[in-house]
Amino acid sequence: MERFLPLFPLALVAYPTENLNLHIFEPRYRQLITECIEEKKTFGIPTFIGNKLPGYGTEMEVVRLAKLHEDGRMDIKTRGIRVFRIRMLQNPVAGKLYSGGEVDFFEEQDLPQGAIPELLFQLDRLYTLLQTKVDFNPDVAPFSYQIAHKIGLSQEEEYHLLTIRSEVERQQYILRHLNKVLPVMSEMERTKERIRMNGHFKNLDPLNF
């Protein structure tokens, strides 16, 4: 399915279902968002990474204009809808300040309910080590997008996740990442504990030779 989208490139990865707050101050993007609000149309956030647009992004809808400043700046609340790939870029669009492009929308290859049990187990280990609480609901699909920003992926890894069309494969990608980083984090915690114990009085058991 092909369609034209006004584009708002950003140096971040936006995901479908994600709620994203944006502060709009550049004239070209103030024009873009004003048109989206008045005409009730969507726009795209393609990821700007490595000083270029690799091509993938997420279609976004403006949920609410939170604040309109006197000088024309805007604070808006947006929500991700679906992934797209740019087929043809126009920068700028004829008669506009902003860029746009013909895009293809990708449909999910599968959308299973729930999460891989091992993934949930490893997430629990991660947040226990970090001593932090992260809210997510494994019964709400797609689960991978709920946690993608909350597991320590690099921007390049987050972008790669965006390009995967299968929810099962995305969860497996995240699981491989956690299986790689958790042993390192666990060893760091043990090292910190040894450092904390250095200099303390120790109650040592005698060794039998």
Protein backbone atom coordinates (compact mmCIF):
# COMPACT_ATOMS: atom_id res chain seq x y z
CA MET A 1 0.00 0.00 0.00
CA GLU A 2 1.52 3.30 -1.14
CA ARG A 3 0.73 6.80 0.02
CA PHE A 4 2.23 10.29 0.24
CA LEU A 5 3.24 11.45 3.72
CA PRO A 6 4.63 14.78 4.95
CA LEU A 7 7.86 13.93 6.77
CA PHE A 8 9.37 15.16 10.03
CA PRO A 9 12.83 13.48 10.24
CA LEU A 10 14.20 13.11 13.77
CA ALA A 11 17.32 11.57 15.29
CA LEU A 12 15.24 9.00 17.14
CA VAL A 13 13.21 5.87 16.49
CA ALA A 14 9.45 6.18 16.92
CA TYR A 15 7.40 2.99 17.15
CA PRO A 16 3.77 2.14 16.43
CA THR A 17 1.59 2.55 19.58
CA GLU A 18 4.23 4.86 21.13
CA ASN A 19 3.08 8.13 22.70
CA LEU A 20 5.53 10.87 21.81
CA ASN A 21 5.47 14.50 23.00
CA LEU A 22 7.06 16.98 20.59
CA HIS A 23 8.00 20.65 20.83
CA ILE A 24 7.59 22.24 17.39
CA PHE A 25 9.55 25.42 16.74
CA GLU A 26 11.01 25.38 13.19
CA PRO A 27 8.79 27.20 10.64
CA ARG A 28 8.72 24.20 8.25
CA TYR A 29 7.46 21.84 10.94
CA ARG A 30 5.04 24.39 12.36
CA GLN A 31 3.56 24.49 8.86
CA LEU A 32 3.49 20.68 8.68
CA ILE A 33 1.80 20.19 12.05
CA THR A 34 -0.68 23.03 11.49
CA GLU A 35 -1.81 21.35 8.27
CA CYS A 36 -2.06 17.96 9.99
CA ILE A 37 -4.27 19.44 12.71
CA GLU A 38 -6.49 21.47 10.39
CA GLU A 39 -6.84 18.73 7.74
CA LYS A 40 -6.84 15.82 10.19
CA LYS A 41 -4.04 14.04 8.38
CA THR A 42 -1.04 12.08 9.57
CA PHE A 43 2.70 12.63 9.12
CA GLY A 44 5.77 10.45 9.21
CA ILE A 45 8.81 10.40 11.48
CA PRO A 46 11.62 8.73 9.53
CA THR A 47 14.71 8.02 11.61
CA PHE A 48 17.70 10.27 10.85
CA ILE A 49 20.73 8.15 11.73
CA GLY A 50 24.36 8.20 10.64
CA ASN A 51 23.78 11.63 9.09
CA LYS A 52 21.29 10.20 6.61
CA LEU A 53 17.75 8.87 6.19
CA PRO A 54 18.03 5.08 5.80
CA GLY A 55 14.36 4.95 4.82
CA TYR A 56 12.22 3.47 7.59
CA GLY A 57 9.96 5.40 9.93
CA THR A 58 6.60 5.45 11.68
CA GLU A 59 3.38 7.15 10.65
CA MET A 60 2.14 9.42 13.45
CA GLU A 61 -1.15 11.06 14.33
CA VAL A 62 -1.52 14.30 16.29
CA VAL A 63 -3.53 13.32 19.35
CA ARG A 64 -3.71 16.78 20.89
CA LEU A 65 -2.30 20.28 20.65
CA ALA A 66 -1.15 20.67 24.24
CA LYS A 67 -0.03 24.29 23.97
CA LEU A 68 0.21 26.98 21.32
CA HIS A 69 2.79 29.60 22.24
CA GLU A 70 2.36 33.26 21.29
CA ASP A 71 5.31 33.08 18.89
CA GLY A 72 3.80 30.12 17.02
CA ARG A 73 5.72 27.32 18.71
CA MET A 74 3.64 24.28 19.60
CA ASP A 75 3.69 21.45 22.13
CA ILE A 76 1.88 18.44 20.72
CA LYS A 77 1.05 14.90 21.79
CA THR A 78 1.38 12.27 19.08
CA ARG A 79 0.90 8.53 18.75
CA GLY A 80 2.57 6.04 16.42
CA ILE A 81 0.38 4.10 13.98
CA ARG A 82 2.37 1.90 11.59
CA VAL A 83 5.78 1.42 9.99
CA PHE A 84 6.61 2.74 6.54
CA ARG A 85 9.53 2.76 4.12
CA ILE A 86 10.28 5.77 1.91
CA ARG A 87 10.09 5.00 -1.80
CA MET A 88 10.67 8.51 -3.13
CA LEU A 89 11.70 11.61 -1.17
CA GLN A 90 10.79 15.21 -1.99
CA ASN A 91 12.81 17.79 -0.08
CA PRO A 92 11.05 20.14 0.07
CA VAL A 93 7.57 19.29 -1.19
CA ALA A 94 6.56 21.66 -3.99
CA GLY A 95 5.05 24.82 -2.50
CA LYS A 96 5.82 23.73 1.08
CA LEU A 97 8.59 24.32 3.57
CA TYR A 98 8.77 20.69 4.72
CA SER A 99 9.80 17.46 3.04
CA GLY A 100 7.56 14.55 2.10
CA GLY A 101 7.64 11.27 0.31
CA GLU A 102 5.87 8.39 -1.32
CA VAL A 103 5.92 5.57 1.23
CA ASP A 104 5.01 1.90 1.48
CA PHE A 105 3.27 0.73 4.65
CA PHE A 106 4.28 -2.61 6.09
CA GLU A 107 1.68 -4.94 7.48
CA GLU A 108 2.55 -7.23 10.38
CA GLN A 109 3.45 -10.76 9.28
CA ASP A 110 2.13 -12.09 12.58
CA LEU A 111 0.67 -10.56 15.71
CA PRO A 112 0.58 -13.15 18.50
CA GLN A 113 -0.96 -12.29 21.82
CA GLY A 114 1.41 -12.17 24.76
CA ALA A 115 5.16 -12.41 25.09
CA ILE A 116 7.71 -15.18 24.97
CA PRO A 117 7.93 -16.50 28.58
CA GLU A 118 11.74 -16.48 28.56
CA LEU A 119 11.65 -12.84 27.46
CA LEU A 120 9.48 -11.90 30.44
CA PHE A 121 11.86 -13.78 32.75
CA GLN A 122 14.89 -11.94 31.37
CA LEU A 123 13.10 -8.58 31.59
CA ASP A 124 12.41 -9.26 35.26
CA ARG A 125 16.13 -10.00 35.76
CA LEU A 126 17.09 -6.80 33.95
CA TYR A 127 14.88 -4.50 36.00
CA THR A 128 15.84 -6.27 39.23
CA LEU A 129 19.52 -5.60 38.47
CA LEU A 130 18.72 -2.00 37.57
CA GLN A 131 16.54 -1.66 40.69
CA THR A 132 13.86 0.05 38.66
CA LYS A 133 10.22 -0.56 37.83
CA VAL A 134 9.00 -0.47 34.24
CA ASP A 135 5.32 -0.69 33.39
CA PHE A 136 4.29 -2.92 30.50
CA ASN A 137 1.44 -5.26 29.67
CA PRO A 138 2.48 -8.53 27.97
CA ASP A 139 -1.13 -9.17 26.96
CA VAL A 140 -1.24 -6.06 24.76
CA ALA A 141 0.16 -6.58 21.26
CA PRO A 142 2.59 -5.80 19.81
CA PHE A 143 4.56 -6.31 23.01
CA SER A 144 7.99 -5.59 21.51
CA TYR A 145 7.17 -1.92 20.92
CA GLN A 146 6.24 -1.43 24.59
CA ILE A 147 9.74 -2.27 25.80
CA ALA A 148 11.95 -1.35 22.83
CA HIS A 149 13.12 1.93 24.43
CA LYS A 150 13.51 0.35 27.88
CA ILE A 151 16.16 -2.37 27.41
CA GLY A 152 19.32 -0.44 26.55
CA LEU A 153 19.36 -0.84 22.78
CA SER A 154 21.57 1.54 20.83
CA GLN A 155 19.89 3.80 18.28
CA GLU A 156 21.14 1.53 15.49
CA GLU A 157 19.64 -1.50 17.25
CA GLU A 158 16.35 0.31 17.83
CA TYR A 159 16.26 1.17 14.15
CA HIS A 160 16.95 -2.44 13.15
CA LEU A 161 14.06 -3.54 15.37
CA LEU A 162 11.80 -1.12 13.48
CA THR A 163 12.62 -2.85 10.19
CA ILE A 164 11.55 -6.32 11.43
CA ARG A 165 8.03 -7.10 10.24
CA SER A 166 7.36 -10.10 12.49
CA GLU A 167 6.43 -9.61 16.16
CA VAL A 168 7.85 -13.04 17.02
CA GLU A 169 11.16 -12.13 15.38
CA ARG A 170 11.23 -8.76 17.18
CA GLN A 171 10.76 -10.47 20.54
CA GLN A 172 13.50 -12.96 19.68
CA TYR A 173 15.79 -10.07 18.70
CA ILE A 174 15.17 -8.42 22.07
CA LEU A 175 15.72 -11.73 23.87
CA ARG A 176 19.09 -12.22 22.14
CA HIS A 177 20.07 -8.72 23.26
CA LEU A 178 19.13 -9.46 26.88
CA ASN A 179 20.91 -12.83 26.82
CA LYS A 180 24.03 -10.95 25.71
CA VAL A 181 23.99 -8.05 28.16
CA LEU A 182 22.59 -9.64 31.34
CA PRO A 183 25.66 -11.81 32.13
CA VAL A 184 27.85 -8.70 31.81
CA MET A 185 25.53 -6.70 34.07
CA SER A 186 25.40 -9.52 36.64
CA GLU A 187 29.19 -9.67 36.76
CA MET A 188 29.34 -5.89 37.21
CA GLU A 189 26.97 -6.17 40.18
CA ARG A 190 29.16 -8.85 41.74
CA THR A 191 32.22 -6.66 41.16
CA LYS A 192 30.53 -3.68 42.83
CA GLU A 193 29.64 -5.87 45.80
CA ARG A 194 33.25 -7.05 46.15
CA ILE A 195 34.40 -3.44 46.03
CA ARG A 196 31.87 -2.46 48.70
CA MET A 197 33.04 -5.32 50.94
CA ASN A 198 36.72 -4.43 50.64
CA GLY A 199 37.97 -3.13 54.00
CA HIS A 200 35.01 -4.50 55.98
CA PHE A 201 35.46 -7.02 58.76
CA LYS A 202 34.75 -10.45 57.37
CA ASN A 203 33.47 -13.51 59.19
CA LEU A 204 35.36 -16.23 57.31
CA ASP A 205 34.85 -19.98 57.67
CA PRO A 206 38.07 -21.94 58.38
CA LEU A 207 39.25 -24.09 55.51
CA ASN A 208 40.00 -27.76 55.99
CA PHE A 209 43.18 -28.88 54.24
